[in-house]
N, C-alpha and C. Protein backbone atom coordinates (compact mmCIF):
# COMPACT_ATOMS: atom_id res chain seq x y z
N UNK A 1 -15.17 18.80 -23.74
CA UNK A 1 -13.77 19.16 -23.51
C UNK A 1 -12.84 18.06 -23.26
N UNK A 2 -12.17 17.70 -24.27
CA UNK A 2 -11.15 16.28 -23.60
C UNK A 2 -9.83 17.11 -23.09
N UNK A 3 -9.33 16.10 -22.50
CA UNK A 3 -8.11 16.61 -21.82
C UNK A 3 -6.98 15.70 -22.61
N UNK A 4 -5.97 16.52 -22.96
CA UNK A 4 -4.91 15.93 -23.72
C UNK A 4 -3.73 15.29 -22.89
N UNK A 5 -3.76 14.15 -22.85
CA UNK A 5 -2.64 13.56 -22.10
C UNK A 5 -1.80 12.42 -22.92
N UNK A 6 -1.35 12.93 -24.01
CA UNK A 6 -0.44 12.14 -24.75
C UNK A 6 0.81 11.34 -24.37
N UNK A 7 0.94 12.13 -23.29
CA UNK A 7 2.50 11.64 -22.67
C UNK A 7 2.55 10.19 -22.11
N UNK A 8 1.23 9.82 -21.81
CA UNK A 8 0.88 8.63 -21.15
C UNK A 8 0.55 7.62 -21.75
N UNK A 9 1.05 6.31 -21.34
CA UNK A 9 0.63 4.90 -22.25
C UNK A 9 -0.72 4.85 -22.37
N UNK A 10 -1.06 4.37 -23.54
CA UNK A 10 -2.67 4.15 -23.64
C UNK A 10 -3.30 5.29 -24.03
N UNK A 11 -2.83 6.46 -23.94
CA UNK A 11 -3.53 7.72 -24.18
C UNK A 11 -5.08 7.62 -23.59
N UNK A 12 -5.13 7.46 -22.59
CA UNK A 12 -6.36 7.95 -21.67
C UNK A 12 -7.03 9.44 -21.52
N UNK A 13 -8.14 9.45 -22.19
CA UNK A 13 -8.66 10.70 -22.52
C UNK A 13 -10.12 10.77 -21.52
N UNK A 14 -10.07 11.69 -20.63
CA UNK A 14 -11.10 11.87 -19.66
C UNK A 14 -11.83 13.37 -20.34
N UNK A 15 -13.30 13.29 -20.00
CA UNK A 15 -13.77 14.28 -20.33
C UNK A 15 -14.32 15.10 -19.28
N UNK A 16 -14.59 16.43 -19.51
CA UNK A 16 -15.34 17.10 -18.28
C UNK A 16 -16.66 16.66 -17.84
N UNK A 17 -17.37 16.16 -18.70
CA UNK A 17 -18.49 15.38 -18.20
C UNK A 17 -18.26 14.17 -17.25
N UNK A 18 -17.30 13.40 -17.76
CA UNK A 18 -17.19 12.19 -16.90
C UNK A 18 -16.54 12.42 -15.56
N UNK A 19 -15.79 13.59 -15.61
CA UNK A 19 -15.34 14.05 -14.15
C UNK A 19 -16.56 14.52 -13.45
N UNK A 20 -17.35 15.26 -13.95
CA UNK A 20 -18.40 15.62 -13.43
C UNK A 20 -19.28 14.68 -12.72
N UNK A 21 -19.53 13.58 -13.83
CA UNK A 21 -20.49 12.58 -13.33
C UNK A 21 -19.94 11.76 -12.07
N UNK A 22 -18.42 11.87 -12.29
CA UNK A 22 -17.95 10.80 -10.94
C UNK A 22 -17.87 11.72 -9.58
N UNK A 23 -17.99 13.09 -9.67
CA UNK A 23 -18.09 13.81 -8.77
C UNK A 23 -19.52 13.67 -8.14
N UNK A 24 -20.46 13.60 -9.10
CA UNK A 24 -21.72 13.45 -9.03
C UNK A 24 -22.24 12.01 -7.95
N UNK A 25 -21.48 11.06 -8.59
CA UNK A 25 -21.61 9.86 -8.12
C UNK A 25 -21.14 9.58 -6.76
N UNK A 26 -19.92 10.27 -6.40
CA UNK A 26 -19.36 10.42 -5.01
C UNK A 26 -19.85 11.44 -4.33
N UNK A 27 -20.66 12.18 -4.67
CA UNK A 27 -21.34 13.09 -3.85
C UNK A 27 -20.38 14.26 -3.52
N UNK A 28 -19.66 14.61 -4.60
CA UNK A 28 -18.52 15.99 -4.21
C UNK A 28 -18.85 16.83 -5.32
N UNK A 29 -18.69 18.09 -4.69
CA UNK A 29 -18.81 19.34 -5.51
C UNK A 29 -17.70 19.49 -5.85
N UNK A 30 -17.32 19.54 -7.20
CA UNK A 30 -16.13 19.73 -8.06
C UNK A 30 -16.22 21.21 -8.43
N UNK A 31 -15.29 22.09 -7.97
CA UNK A 31 -15.47 23.43 -8.21
C UNK A 31 -14.38 23.67 -9.64
N UNK A 32 -14.70 24.61 -10.56
CA UNK A 32 -14.12 24.86 -11.79
C UNK A 32 -12.55 24.77 -11.67
N UNK A 33 -12.31 25.10 -10.62
CA UNK A 33 -10.81 25.38 -10.53
C UNK A 33 -9.94 24.07 -10.22
N UNK A 34 -10.53 23.17 -9.58
CA UNK A 34 -10.26 21.96 -9.39
C UNK A 34 -10.21 20.91 -10.28
N UNK A 35 -10.82 21.04 -11.52
CA UNK A 35 -11.09 20.20 -12.62
C UNK A 35 -9.67 19.81 -12.82
N UNK A 36 -8.82 20.78 -13.54
CA UNK A 36 -7.44 20.18 -14.07
C UNK A 36 -6.59 19.32 -13.28
N UNK A 37 -6.68 19.72 -12.04
CA UNK A 37 -5.73 18.90 -10.90
C UNK A 37 -6.38 17.56 -10.79
N UNK A 38 -7.71 17.47 -10.82
CA UNK A 38 -8.41 16.34 -10.51
C UNK A 38 -8.14 15.37 -11.83
N UNK A 39 -8.48 15.96 -13.05
CA UNK A 39 -8.04 15.03 -14.06
C UNK A 39 -6.43 14.70 -14.26
N UNK A 40 -5.59 15.34 -13.83
CA UNK A 40 -4.18 14.84 -13.70
C UNK A 40 -4.05 13.64 -12.82
N UNK A 41 -4.75 13.69 -11.46
CA UNK A 41 -4.70 12.74 -10.37
C UNK A 41 -5.51 11.58 -11.16
N UNK A 42 -6.71 11.48 -11.63
CA UNK A 42 -7.02 10.37 -12.05
C UNK A 42 -6.64 9.65 -13.37
N UNK A 43 -6.00 10.72 -14.12
CA UNK A 43 -5.41 10.42 -15.18
C UNK A 43 -4.20 9.36 -14.57
N UNK A 44 -3.26 9.78 -13.88
CA UNK A 44 -2.20 9.10 -13.40
C UNK A 44 -2.67 7.81 -12.84
N UNK A 45 -3.85 7.59 -11.94
CA UNK A 45 -4.52 6.42 -11.40
C UNK A 45 -4.70 5.51 -12.71
N UNK A 46 -5.37 6.04 -13.62
CA UNK A 46 -5.72 4.98 -14.67
C UNK A 46 -4.51 4.64 -15.61
N UNK A 47 -3.61 5.35 -15.56
CA UNK A 47 -2.29 5.04 -16.19
C UNK A 47 -1.61 3.95 -15.57
N UNK A 48 -1.87 4.10 -14.35
CA UNK A 48 -1.02 2.92 -13.38
C UNK A 48 -1.92 1.65 -13.52
N UNK A 49 -3.30 1.71 -13.63
CA UNK A 49 -4.09 0.69 -13.84
C UNK A 49 -3.71 -0.30 -15.26
N UNK A 50 -3.63 0.86 -16.28
CA UNK A 50 -3.00 0.08 -17.41
C UNK A 50 -1.71 -0.58 -17.42
N UNK A 51 -0.95 0.01 -16.54
CA UNK A 51 0.64 -0.82 -16.20
C UNK A 51 0.35 -2.18 -15.55
N UNK A 52 -0.56 -2.04 -14.67
CA UNK A 52 -1.02 -3.22 -13.92
C UNK A 52 -1.46 -4.31 -15.02
N UNK A 53 -2.19 -3.79 -16.17
CA UNK A 53 -2.99 -4.88 -16.83
C UNK A 53 -1.99 -5.56 -17.64
N UNK A 54 -0.56 -4.91 -17.74
CA UNK A 54 0.44 -5.37 -18.59
C UNK A 54 1.48 -6.46 -17.81
N UNK A 55 1.09 -6.66 -16.50
CA UNK A 55 1.81 -7.66 -15.43
C UNK A 55 1.70 -8.91 -15.73
N UNK A 56 2.85 -9.81 -15.89
CA UNK A 56 2.60 -11.25 -16.30
C UNK A 56 1.88 -12.00 -14.92
N UNK A 57 0.70 -12.46 -15.00
CA UNK A 57 0.24 -13.24 -13.60
C UNK A 57 -0.06 -14.38 -13.97
N UNK A 58 0.29 -15.01 -15.36
CA UNK A 58 -0.27 -16.43 -15.55
C UNK A 58 -0.10 -17.41 -14.69
N UNK A 59 1.18 -17.45 -14.03
CA UNK A 59 1.62 -18.37 -13.48
C UNK A 59 1.67 -18.11 -11.67
N UNK A 60 0.91 -17.28 -11.34
CA UNK A 60 0.64 -16.62 -9.99
C UNK A 60 -0.53 -17.10 -9.77
N UNK A 61 -0.77 -17.76 -8.29
CA UNK A 61 -2.03 -18.29 -7.74
C UNK A 61 -2.46 -17.25 -7.09
N UNK A 62 -3.93 -16.79 -7.01
CA UNK A 62 -4.65 -15.65 -6.20
C UNK A 62 -4.28 -16.32 -4.94
N UNK A 63 -4.15 -15.09 -4.11
CA UNK A 63 -4.08 -15.34 -2.67
C UNK A 63 -4.89 -14.41 -1.84
N UNK A 64 -5.15 -14.74 -0.55
CA UNK A 64 -6.07 -13.95 0.43
C UNK A 64 -5.38 -12.95 1.08
N UNK A 65 -3.91 -13.21 1.36
CA UNK A 65 -3.14 -12.61 2.04
C UNK A 65 -1.80 -12.37 1.40
N UNK A 66 -0.87 -11.48 1.43
CA UNK A 66 0.52 -11.43 0.77
C UNK A 66 1.28 -12.24 1.68
N UNK A 67 1.07 -12.44 2.65
CA UNK A 67 1.95 -13.43 3.60
C UNK A 67 1.29 -14.69 3.88
N UNK A 68 1.97 -15.80 4.13
CA UNK A 68 1.54 -17.07 4.03
C UNK A 68 1.12 -17.39 5.48
N UNK A 69 0.11 -16.78 6.15
CA UNK A 69 -0.39 -16.92 7.35
C UNK A 69 -1.78 -17.32 7.36
N UNK A 70 -2.12 -18.15 8.71
CA UNK A 70 -3.40 -18.35 8.94
C UNK A 70 -4.34 -17.47 9.43
N UNK A 71 -5.49 -17.02 9.33
CA UNK A 71 -6.17 -16.31 10.03
C UNK A 71 -6.76 -16.92 11.20
N UNK A 72 -6.45 -16.16 12.29
CA UNK A 72 -7.20 -16.90 13.55
C UNK A 72 -8.39 -16.14 13.57
N UNK A 73 -9.23 -17.34 13.88
CA UNK A 73 -10.61 -16.95 14.18
C UNK A 73 -11.29 -17.31 15.37
N UNK A 74 -12.04 -16.30 15.88
CA UNK A 74 -12.74 -16.70 17.29
C UNK A 74 -13.99 -17.75 17.18
N UNK A 75 -14.20 -17.91 18.15
CA UNK A 75 -15.26 -19.00 18.33
C UNK A 75 -16.48 -18.37 17.78
N UNK A 76 -17.50 -18.96 17.16
CA UNK A 76 -18.82 -18.29 16.51
C UNK A 76 -19.82 -18.59 17.72
N UNK A 77 -19.93 -17.55 18.69
CA UNK A 77 -20.75 -17.73 19.96
C UNK A 77 -21.27 -16.35 20.41
N UNK A 78 -22.42 -16.27 20.59
CA UNK A 78 -23.11 -15.10 21.26
C UNK A 78 -22.33 -14.55 22.51
N UNK A 79 -21.81 -13.17 22.24
CA UNK A 79 -21.41 -12.77 23.53
C UNK A 79 -22.06 -11.35 23.99
N UNK A 80 -22.97 -11.02 23.57
CA UNK A 80 -23.81 -9.90 24.05
C UNK A 80 -25.30 -10.29 23.84
N UNK A 81 -26.30 -9.66 24.93
CA UNK A 81 -27.36 -9.87 25.00
C UNK A 81 -28.28 -8.79 24.14
N UNK A 82 -29.53 -9.43 23.78
CA UNK A 82 -30.49 -8.80 22.68
C UNK A 82 -30.69 -7.54 23.61
N UNK A 83 -30.62 -6.43 22.92
CA UNK A 83 -31.18 -5.06 23.61
C UNK A 83 -31.66 -4.32 22.64
N UNK A 84 -32.56 -4.96 21.55
CA UNK A 84 -33.23 -4.26 20.70
C UNK A 84 -34.22 -3.50 21.22
N UNK A 85 -34.86 -3.80 21.95
CA UNK A 85 -36.29 -2.97 22.74
C UNK A 85 -35.59 -1.76 23.34
N UNK A 86 -34.60 -1.84 24.21
CA UNK A 86 -33.98 -0.61 24.75
C UNK A 86 -33.55 0.25 23.54
N UNK A 87 -32.71 -0.07 22.40
CA UNK A 87 -32.27 0.90 21.53
C UNK A 87 -33.64 1.40 20.95
N UNK A 88 -34.68 0.66 20.59
CA UNK A 88 -36.03 1.09 19.81
C UNK A 88 -36.84 2.25 20.76
N UNK A 89 -36.15 2.26 21.88
CA UNK A 89 -36.93 3.44 22.89
C UNK A 89 -36.69 4.82 22.17
N UNK A 90 -35.47 4.93 21.56
CA UNK A 90 -34.87 6.14 20.99
C UNK A 90 -35.41 6.25 19.86
N UNK A 91 -36.62 5.92 19.17
CA UNK A 91 -37.08 6.48 17.90
C UNK A 91 -38.49 6.53 18.12
N UNK A 92 -39.23 7.21 17.28
CA UNK A 92 -40.56 7.52 17.32
C UNK A 92 -41.63 6.11 16.60
N UNK A 93 -40.82 5.71 15.45
CA UNK A 93 -41.28 5.09 14.65
C UNK A 93 -40.85 3.46 14.52
N UNK A 94 -41.63 2.68 15.16
CA UNK A 94 -41.35 1.19 15.20
C UNK A 94 -42.46 0.28 14.92
N UNK A 95 -42.31 -0.65 13.96
CA UNK A 95 -43.54 -1.77 13.77
C UNK A 95 -42.76 -3.03 13.70
N UNK A 96 -43.16 -3.71 14.44
CA UNK A 96 -42.90 -5.46 14.60
C UNK A 96 -41.37 -5.46 14.66
N UNK A 97 -40.82 -4.72 15.86
CA UNK A 97 -39.35 -4.58 15.89
C UNK A 97 -38.58 -4.35 14.86
N UNK A 98 -39.03 -3.30 14.15
CA UNK A 98 -38.48 -2.93 12.79
C UNK A 98 -38.18 -1.31 13.05
N UNK A 99 -37.21 -0.68 12.40
CA UNK A 99 -37.16 1.06 12.47
C UNK A 99 -38.07 1.18 10.90
N UNK A 100 -38.91 2.11 11.35
CA UNK A 100 -39.57 2.84 9.98
C UNK A 100 -38.80 4.16 9.61
N UNK A 101 -38.62 3.95 8.21
CA UNK A 101 -37.80 5.26 8.02
C UNK A 101 -38.41 5.75 6.74
N UNK A 102 -38.16 7.31 6.70
CA UNK A 102 -39.09 7.72 5.53
C UNK A 102 -38.17 7.17 4.22
N UNK A 103 -39.04 7.27 3.17
CA UNK A 103 -38.82 6.69 1.81
C UNK A 103 -37.71 7.68 1.13
N UNK A 104 -36.59 7.04 0.68
CA UNK A 104 -35.45 7.90 0.12
C UNK A 104 -35.55 7.84 -1.44
N UNK A 105 -35.72 6.67 -1.65
CA UNK A 105 -35.52 6.24 -3.21
C UNK A 105 -36.89 6.14 -3.75
N UNK A 106 -37.30 6.83 -4.69
CA UNK A 106 -38.59 6.78 -5.52
C UNK A 106 -38.69 5.95 -6.47
């Protein structure tokens, strides 16, 4: 099922399967009644990204911040004491100061 969006530049076409895969990856349950609205919103986002691709940026230097400011940094020093033994008393499985957790990925 393709979504017809010929009114947008680039004619981006989202398929129902793509929306479902995005929902799965984002761990979202997408109800059938939400698909059309979601397609419209994602299409608008993709159309905006396409507009950004057309922006002339050859003469623009990359920047870390939009304002010409210097980041104030604090001194790199330890300010807290090591309390891992205290925290590890809250769990039942610890080995060599590491938390043991169940395997999640096969």
